[in-house]
C-alpha atoms as a PDB file:
ATOM      1  CA  UNK A   1     147.754  37.670 184.138  1.00  0.00           C
ATOM      2  CA  UNK A   2     149.611  34.577 185.103  1.00  0.00           C
ATOM      3  CA  UNK A   3     146.788  32.990 187.632  1.00  0.00           C
ATOM      4  CA  UNK A   4     143.456  31.636 186.601  1.00  0.00           C
ATOM      5  CA  UNK A   5     140.783  34.088 185.766  1.00  0.00           C
ATOM      6  CA  UNK A   6     137.978  32.002 186.486  1.00  0.00           C
ATOM      7  CA  UNK A   7     137.262  32.070 190.401  1.00  0.00           C
ATOM      8  CA  UNK A   8     136.895  28.925 192.515  1.00  0.00           C
ATOM      9  CA  UNK A   9     136.379  28.623 196.004  1.00  0.00           C
ATOM     10  CA  UNK A  10     133.873  30.358 198.117  1.00  0.00           C
ATOM     11  CA  UNK A  11     134.027  33.857 197.338  1.00  0.00           C
ATOM     12  CA  UNK A  12     136.167  37.276 197.796  1.00  0.00           C
ATOM     13  CA  UNK A  13     135.145  40.624 198.546  1.00  0.00           C
ATOM     14  CA  UNK A  14     137.731  43.556 198.497  1.00  0.00           C
ATOM     15  CA  UNK A  15     137.152  46.363 200.585  1.00  0.00           C
ATOM     16  CA  UNK A  16     139.690  48.999 199.917  1.00  0.00           C
ATOM     17  CA  UNK A  17     140.438  52.873 201.054  1.00  0.00           C
ATOM     18  CA  UNK A  18     142.968  55.393 202.172  1.00  0.00           C
ATOM     19  CA  UNK A  19     144.015  55.878 205.620  1.00  0.00           C
ATOM     20  CA  UNK A  20     141.411  56.173 208.574  1.00  0.00           C
ATOM     21  CA  UNK A  21     138.602  55.933 205.948  1.00  0.00           C
ATOM     22  CA  UNK A  22     136.741  53.626 207.639  1.00  0.00           C
ATOM     23  CA  UNK A  23     137.429  50.611 205.209  1.00  0.00           C
ATOM     24  CA  UNK A  24     138.131  47.817 208.252  1.00  0.00           C
ATOM     25  CA  UNK A  25     134.853  49.058 210.103  1.00  0.00           C
ATOM     26  CA  UNK A  26     132.929  48.380 206.668  1.00  0.00           C
ATOM     27  CA  UNK A  27     134.558  44.987 206.200  1.00  0.00           C
ATOM     28  CA  UNK A  28     133.669  44.193 209.650  1.00  0.00           C
ATOM     29  CA  UNK A  29     130.002  45.183 208.935  1.00  0.00           C
ATOM     30  CA  UNK A  30     130.266  43.134 206.033  1.00  0.00           C
ATOM     31  CA  UNK A  31     131.519  39.717 207.653  1.00  0.00           C
ATOM     32  CA  UNK A  32     129.168  40.400 210.841  1.00  0.00           C
ATOM     33  CA  UNK A  33     126.248  40.579 208.502  1.00  0.00           C
ATOM     34  CA  UNK A  34     127.228  37.112 207.009  1.00  0.00           C
ATOM     35  CA  UNK A  35     125.701  34.852 208.955  1.00  0.00           C
ATOM     36  CA  UNK A  36     128.900  32.825 209.680  1.00  0.00           C
ATOM     37  CA  UNK A  37     131.087  32.465 212.411  1.00  0.00           C
ATOM     38  CA  UNK A  38     134.209  34.969 212.035  1.00  0.00           C
ATOM     39  CA  UNK A  39     137.749  34.111 211.815  1.00  0.00           C
ATOM     40  CA  UNK A  40     139.826  37.839 211.784  1.00  0.00           C
ATOM     41  CA  UNK A  41     143.171  37.259 210.366  1.00  0.00           C
ATOM     42  CA  UNK A  42     145.640  40.058 211.433  1.00  0.00           C
ATOM     43  CA  UNK A  43     148.643  40.339 208.963  1.00  0.00           C
ATOM     44  CA  UNK A  44     150.149  43.280 210.642  1.00  0.00           C
ATOM     45  CA  UNK A  45     153.358  42.980 212.643  1.00  0.00           C
ATOM     46  CA  UNK A  46     153.094  43.018 216.520  1.00  0.00           C
ATOM     47  CA  UNK A  47     155.836  45.742 216.590  1.00  0.00           C
ATOM     48  CA  UNK A  48     155.753  45.545 220.692  1.00  0.00           C
ATOM     49  CA  UNK A  49     158.231  48.640 220.766  1.00  0.00           C
ATOM     50  CA  UNK A  50     155.728  50.856 218.552  1.00  0.00           C
ATOM     51  CA  UNK A  51     153.222  52.574 220.875  1.00  0.00           C
ATOM     52  CA  UNK A  52     151.314  54.191 217.808  1.00  0.00           C
ATOM     53  CA  UNK A  53     151.108  50.766 216.009  1.00  0.00           C
ATOM     54  CA  UNK A  54     150.081  49.262 219.295  1.00  0.00           C
ATOM     55  CA  UNK A  55     147.434  51.691 219.742  1.00  0.00           C
ATOM     56  CA  UNK A  56     145.999  51.154 216.414  1.00  0.00           C
ATOM     57  CA  UNK A  57     145.877  47.355 217.177  1.00  0.00           C
ATOM     58  CA  UNK A  58     144.305  48.043 220.735  1.00  0.00           C
ATOM     59  CA  UNK A  59     141.543  49.986 218.686  1.00  0.00           C
ATOM     60  CA  UNK A  60     140.792  47.313 216.284  1.00  0.00           C
ATOM     61  CA  UNK A  61     140.766  44.727 219.090  1.00  0.00           C
ATOM     62  CA  UNK A  62     138.163  46.632 221.328  1.00  0.00           C
ATOM     63  CA  UNK A  63     136.079  46.955 218.005  1.00  0.00           C
ATOM     64  CA  UNK A  64     135.884  42.947 217.423  1.00  0.00           C
ATOM     65  CA  UNK A  65     133.118  41.051 219.206  1.00  0.00           C
ATOM     66  CA  UNK A  66     134.580  38.845 221.697  1.00  0.00           C
ATOM     67  CA  UNK A  67     132.950  35.646 219.471  1.00  0.00           C
ATOM     68  CA  UNK A  68     135.263  36.364 216.415  1.00  0.00           C
ATOM     69  CA  UNK A  69     138.439  34.043 216.371  1.00  0.00           C
ATOM     70  CA  UNK A  70     141.521  35.950 215.980  1.00  0.00           C
ATOM     71  CA  UNK A  71     144.538  34.752 214.204  1.00  0.00           C
ATOM     72  CA  UNK A  72     148.019  36.772 213.889  1.00  0.00           C
ATOM     73  CA  UNK A  73     149.471  35.665 210.840  1.00  0.00           C
ATOM     74  CA  UNK A  74     151.579  38.144 210.342  1.00  0.00           C
ATOM     75  CA  UNK A  75     153.404  37.628 206.707  1.00  0.00           C
ATOM     76  CA  UNK A  76     152.173  33.988 206.513  1.00  0.00           C
ATOM     77  CA  UNK A  77     148.740  34.382 205.126  1.00  0.00           C
ATOM     78  CA  UNK A  78     149.254  31.852 202.474  1.00  0.00           C
ATOM     79  CA  UNK A  79     149.299  29.187 205.311  1.00  0.00           C
ATOM     80  CA  UNK A  80     146.332  30.523 207.408  1.00  0.00           C
ATOM     81  CA  UNK A  81     144.118  30.416 204.446  1.00  0.00           C
ATOM     82  CA  UNK A  82     145.311  26.471 203.839  1.00  0.00           C
ATOM     83  CA  UNK A  83     143.790  25.722 207.094  1.00  0.00           C
ATOM     84  CA  UNK A  84     140.671  28.027 207.914  1.00  0.00           C
ATOM     85  CA  UNK A  85     137.639  26.545 208.685  1.00  0.00           C
ATOM     86  CA  UNK A  86     135.013  26.398 205.557  1.00  0.00           C
ATOM     87  CA  UNK A  87     132.427  27.102 207.583  1.00  0.00           C
ATOM     88  CA  UNK A  88     133.912  30.767 208.888  1.00  0.00           C
ATOM     89  CA  UNK A  89     133.584  33.922 207.101  1.00  0.00           C
ATOM     90  CA  UNK A  90     137.354  35.254 206.835  1.00  0.00           C
ATOM     91  CA  UNK A  91     138.577  38.954 207.456  1.00  0.00           C
ATOM     92  CA  UNK A  92     142.159  39.357 205.915  1.00  0.00           C
ATOM     93  CA  UNK A  93     143.240  42.801 207.506  1.00  0.00           C
ATOM     94  CA  UNK A  94     144.965  43.942 205.659  1.00  0.00           C
ATOM     95  CA  UNK A  95     146.699  43.173 202.311  1.00  0.00           C
ATOM     96  CA  UNK A  96     149.365  46.039 202.636  1.00  0.00           C
ATOM     97  CA  UNK A  97     150.430  45.250 205.950  1.00  0.00           C
ATOM     98  CA  UNK A  98     150.868  41.390 204.643  1.00  0.00           C
ATOM     99  CA  UNK A  99     153.087  42.827 201.832  1.00  0.00           C
ATOM    100  CA  UNK A 100     155.463  44.851 204.125  1.00  0.00           C
ATOM    101  CA  UNK A 101     156.678  41.476 205.388  1.00  0.00           C
ATOM    102  CA  UNK A 102     157.808  40.840 201.934  1.00  0.00           C
ATOM    103  CA  UNK A 103     159.190  44.209 200.609  1.00  0.00           C
ATOM    104  CA  UNK A 104     162.799  43.097 200.799  1.00  0.00           C
ATOM    105  CA  UNK A 105     161.799  39.998 197.950  1.00  0.00           C
ATOM    106  CA  UNK A 106     163.629  40.385 194.608  1.00  0.00           C
ATOM    107  CA  UNK A 107     161.408  40.852 191.574  1.00  0.00           C
ATOM    108  CA  UNK A 108     161.398  37.079 190.979  1.00  0.00           C
ATOM    109  CA  UNK A 109     160.656  36.388 194.833  1.00  0.00           C
ATOM    110  CA  UNK A 110     157.570  38.414 194.542  1.00  0.00           C
ATOM    111  CA  UNK A 111     156.063  37.295 191.868  1.00  0.00           C
ATOM    112  CA  UNK A 112     156.285  33.744 193.734  1.00  0.00           C
ATOM    113  CA  UNK A 113     155.184  34.924 196.826  1.00  0.00           C
ATOM    114  CA  UNK A 114     151.804  37.032 195.127  1.00  0.00           C
ATOM    115  CA  UNK A 115     151.264  33.615 193.029  1.00  0.00           C
ATOM    116  CA  UNK A 116     151.187  31.715 196.122  1.00  0.00           C
ATOM    117  CA  UNK A 117     148.596  33.799 197.779  1.00  0.00           C
ATOM    118  CA  UNK A 118     146.593  34.339 194.472  1.00  0.00           C
ATOM    119  CA  UNK A 119     146.389  30.424 194.424  1.00  0.00           C
ATOM    120  CA  UNK A 120     145.781  30.406 198.025  1.00  0.00           C
ATOM    121  CA  UNK A 121     143.004  32.772 197.850  1.00  0.00           C
ATOM    122  CA  UNK A 122     141.396  30.682 195.049  1.00  0.00           C
ATOM    123  CA  UNK A 123     141.718  27.333 196.684  1.00  0.00           C
ATOM    124  CA  UNK A 124     140.374  28.945 200.359  1.00  0.00           C
ATOM    125  CA  UNK A 125     137.077  26.913 201.023  1.00  0.00           C
ATOM    126  CA  UNK A 126     135.780  30.054 203.211  1.00  0.00           C
ATOM    127  CA  UNK A 127     134.195  33.233 201.672  1.00  0.00           C
ATOM    128  CA  UNK A 128     137.072  36.073 202.548  1.00  0.00           C
ATOM    129  CA  UNK A 129     136.723  39.635 202.957  1.00  0.00           C
ATOM    130  CA  UNK A 130     140.338  41.331 202.242  1.00  0.00           C
ATOM    131  CA  UNK A 131     140.930  44.870 203.556  1.00  0.00           C
ATOM    132  CA  UNK A 132     143.490  46.504 201.299  1.00  0.00           C
ATOM    133  CA  UNK A 133     145.082  50.176 201.349  1.00  0.00           C
ATOM    134  CA  UNK A 134     144.699  52.648 198.369  1.00  0.00           C
ATOM    135  CA  UNK A 135     148.344  54.220 198.256  1.00  0.00           C
ATOM    136  CA  UNK A 136     149.639  56.377 195.560  1.00  0.00           C
ATOM    137  CA  UNK A 137     146.544  59.381 195.874  1.00  0.00           C
ATOM    138  CA  UNK A 138     148.961  62.084 196.792  1.00  0.00           C
ATOM    139  CA  UNK A 139     152.898  62.690 196.833  1.00  0.00           C
ATOM    140  CA  UNK A 140     154.977  59.950 195.372  1.00  0.00           C
ATOM    141  CA  UNK A 141     157.168  58.417 197.940  1.00  0.00           C
ATOM    142  CA  UNK A 142     160.449  59.975 198.064  1.00  0.00           C
ATOM    143  CA  UNK A 143     162.377  56.361 199.118  1.00  0.00           C
ATOM    144  CA  UNK A 144     162.700  53.529 197.165  1.00  0.00           C
ATOM    145  CA  UNK A 145     161.109  51.364 199.301  1.00  0.00           C
ATOM    146  CA  UNK A 146     157.698  53.239 199.546  1.00  0.00           C
ATOM    147  CA  UNK A 147     157.900  53.101 195.913  1.00  0.00           C
ATOM    148  CA  UNK A 148     158.123  49.619 195.720  1.00  0.00           C
ATOM    149  CA  UNK A 149     155.264  49.231 198.386  1.00  0.00           C
ATOM    150  CA  UNK A 150     153.081  51.420 196.402  1.00  0.00           C
ATOM    151  CA  UNK A 151     153.797  49.710 192.876  1.00  0.00           C
ATOM    152  CA  UNK A 152     153.297  46.433 194.390  1.00  0.00           C
ATOM    153  CA  UNK A 153     150.287  46.503 196.348  1.00  0.00           C
ATOM    154  CA  UNK A 154     148.579  48.330 193.360  1.00  0.00           C
ATOM    155  CA  UNK A 155     149.657  45.290 190.798  1.00  0.00           C
ATOM    156  CA  UNK A 156     148.500  43.069 193.288  1.00  0.00           C
ATOM    157  CA  UNK A 157     145.007  44.668 193.721  1.00  0.00           C
ATOM    158  CA  UNK A 158     144.546  44.633 189.921  1.00  0.00           C
ATOM    159  CA  UNK A 159     145.205  40.868 190.112  1.00  0.00           C
ATOM    160  CA  UNK A 160     142.696  40.228 192.626  1.00  0.00           C
ATOM    161  CA  UNK A 161     139.941  42.531 191.241  1.00  0.00           C
ATOM    162  CA  UNK A 162     138.838  39.883 188.692  1.00  0.00           C
ATOM    163  CA  UNK A 163     138.721  37.475 191.156  1.00  0.00           C
ATOM    164  CA  UNK A 164     136.762  39.078 193.340  1.00  0.00           C
ATOM    165  CA  UNK A 165     132.722  38.918 193.583  1.00  0.00           C
ATOM    166  CA  UNK A 166     132.168  41.898 195.462  1.00  0.00           C
ATOM    167  CA  UNK A 167     135.025  45.451 195.735  1.00  0.00           C
ATOM    168  CA  UNK A 168     133.947  48.328 197.867  1.00  0.00           C
ATOM    169  CA  UNK A 169     136.023  51.799 198.019  1.00  0.00           C
ATOM    170  CA  UNK A 170     135.615  53.322 201.213  1.00  0.00           C
ATOM    171  CA  UNK A 171     136.509  56.963 201.535  1.00  0.00           C
ATOM    172  CA  UNK A 172     135.536  59.738 204.402  1.00  0.00           C
ATOM    173  CA  UNK A 173     133.370  56.714 205.993  1.00  0.00           C
ATOM    174  CA  UNK A 174     131.060  56.097 202.922  1.00  0.00           C
ATOM    175  CA  UNK A 175     131.232  52.535 200.962  1.00  0.00           C
ATOM    176  CA  UNK A 176     131.047  52.795 197.444  1.00  0.00           C
ATOM    177  CA  UNK A 177     129.876  49.602 195.461  1.00  0.00           C
ATOM    178  CA  UNK A 178     132.698  49.558 192.683  1.00  0.00           C
ATOM    179  CA  UNK A 179     131.058  46.772 190.642  1.00  0.00           C
ATOM    180  CA  UNK A 180     127.940  48.720 190.436  1.00  0.00           C
ATOM    181  CA  UNK A 181     129.403  51.913 189.895  1.00  0.00           C
ATOM    182  CA  UNK A 182     132.283  50.973 187.255  1.00  0.00           C
ATOM    183  CA  UNK A 183     133.551  49.676 184.440  1.00  0.00           C
ATOM    184  CA  UNK A 184     136.706  47.584 184.155  1.00  0.00           C
ATOM    185  CA  UNK A 185     139.946  49.173 182.539  1.00  0.00           C
ATOM    186  CA  UNK A 186     140.617  47.226 179.237  1.00  0.00           C
ATOM    187  CA  UNK A 187     144.151  45.796 178.892  1.00  0.00           C
ATOM    188  CA  UNK A 188     146.512  47.123 176.603  1.00  0.00           C
END
């Protein structure tokens, strides 16, 4: 695995699902009911010249309660985790948009970046809920970069899963508790 299997730190919950499944809303529900102040960590690009992206960002912003702190960190999630207050519940949205910032890394560079993220998550004192996209449920991406995105995200999700105390799959607006309904796939 390349990273410590035993979970230290405050606790990790994964929330995954395809596009428009309700995964961000479910993650927002989980952190809102935690009883802690919430720090929303946005990893997406600002992309001011993309109207469709700006519309999605506005939708997320309007849904968030005014008392939630927000950090827009783009691709610098690891350093944000290092300075996050321990008394806050973190909502990281999303793993896929963080990964998109690092698609140009070589395989070795990606491995270092991935390990850096895993270490930052394990040493973070605040509990974390991470939203992540499910990819590859349909047509295989026709581009090299699309295939790289799917492969890297799927690999990272499998590395995060053993560290998570809870995992949710959100599909068609329904949340499924993966730890209650599933068995781990054995290593080869």
